[in-house]
Amino acid sequence: MQQATARASTNGTDTDQLPRPHQLSDVKGWFHPVDQVLFDWILSRQYERSEQGDLLELGAYLGKSAIFMGTYLRAAETFTVCDLFDSPAPDEANSAEMGRSYRSTLTRRAFEANYRSFHDELPQIVQEPSAGITAHVEPDTCRFVHIDASHLYEHVHADIAAAREVLGADGIVVLDDFRAEHCPGVAAATWGAVASTGLKPLCITATKFYGTWGAYDAVHADLAAFLKERDDMWHGAEEVAEFPMIRISGKQARSPEQPVSRYAGQTPKPTPEPTRTKGLLASLLSRTGRN
């Protein structure tokens, strides 16, 4: 396996200008409570069932979902985060997309400062296009992959193929912005994978698609039972590609237990606004002394 790119950002701000979030909500990004609930449920279920595997996120922005995912990392597991950050985009279309969506706010130093506010150690960082992620993550080694990188069809299509390669037998993949009006390429790649690769749709929220190429019935039944007990999230079934995919409306969803910042209780320093609009396991891990 090749080593992850380890160079530091040269476009970051001075140390005293780096973010110091005192809670997860202070980290800029788009990670809604309903999806936090589902991430928590899936990763906690894997923990309780002793399902082994690494974690992977393609596209990190300033680290909001990565910080959350890092809470569920176990000893001997690896969490890999892949993002261009402040590196040049590999093609003109991707460069234009980054310029429209993120401008100068997307820096590796800001991501690292945010992540270190909640965790002692950084994940393995791959600072390059997601197309090369299989050079850094071995096949069949991951249990959970979150895709939130480029919105261009050809890139998302390749990210899905990479996720299929690195996921273990019953791993879960999550795709962001699969039905946003400004991201038709994500929708085309997502549903194309359902139609042609055997990707089974578990559930969808307003922004994310959850699926698996592995065992479906057990996780689907457990998820349906979990949702039935929630009074803050509406859900219903929709048959898609012969699978009873669950549709979830979580506008009133209550967030699960949040990662704790080392700056909790302090007044957070102001950080620039982004340029676009966009439980259970924590208590288990606290007994083992992990963040």
Foldseek 3Di string as FASTA:
>chain_A
DDAADDDFDPLDDDPVQAWQDQFLVQQADDQDQVNLVVLCVQLVVCVVVVPAFEEEEEDQQQNSVVLSNVLSDDPPHAYEYEEQQPPQAPDDVLNVVCCQFFNNRRHPRNSVNVNVQQAVDDGRYHNYQPLPCCVPAPFQGHQEYEYDYDLAQVSLLSNVVSCNGRHHQWHKYKYWQLPPPVRVSSVCSVVVCVVPVQWAWLEDEPTMTMTTSHDHDVVSVVVVVVVVPDPQKDWDFDQDSNHGYIYIYRPRRDHEDTRGGPCHPHDIDDDDHTPDDDYDVSVVVVVVVHD
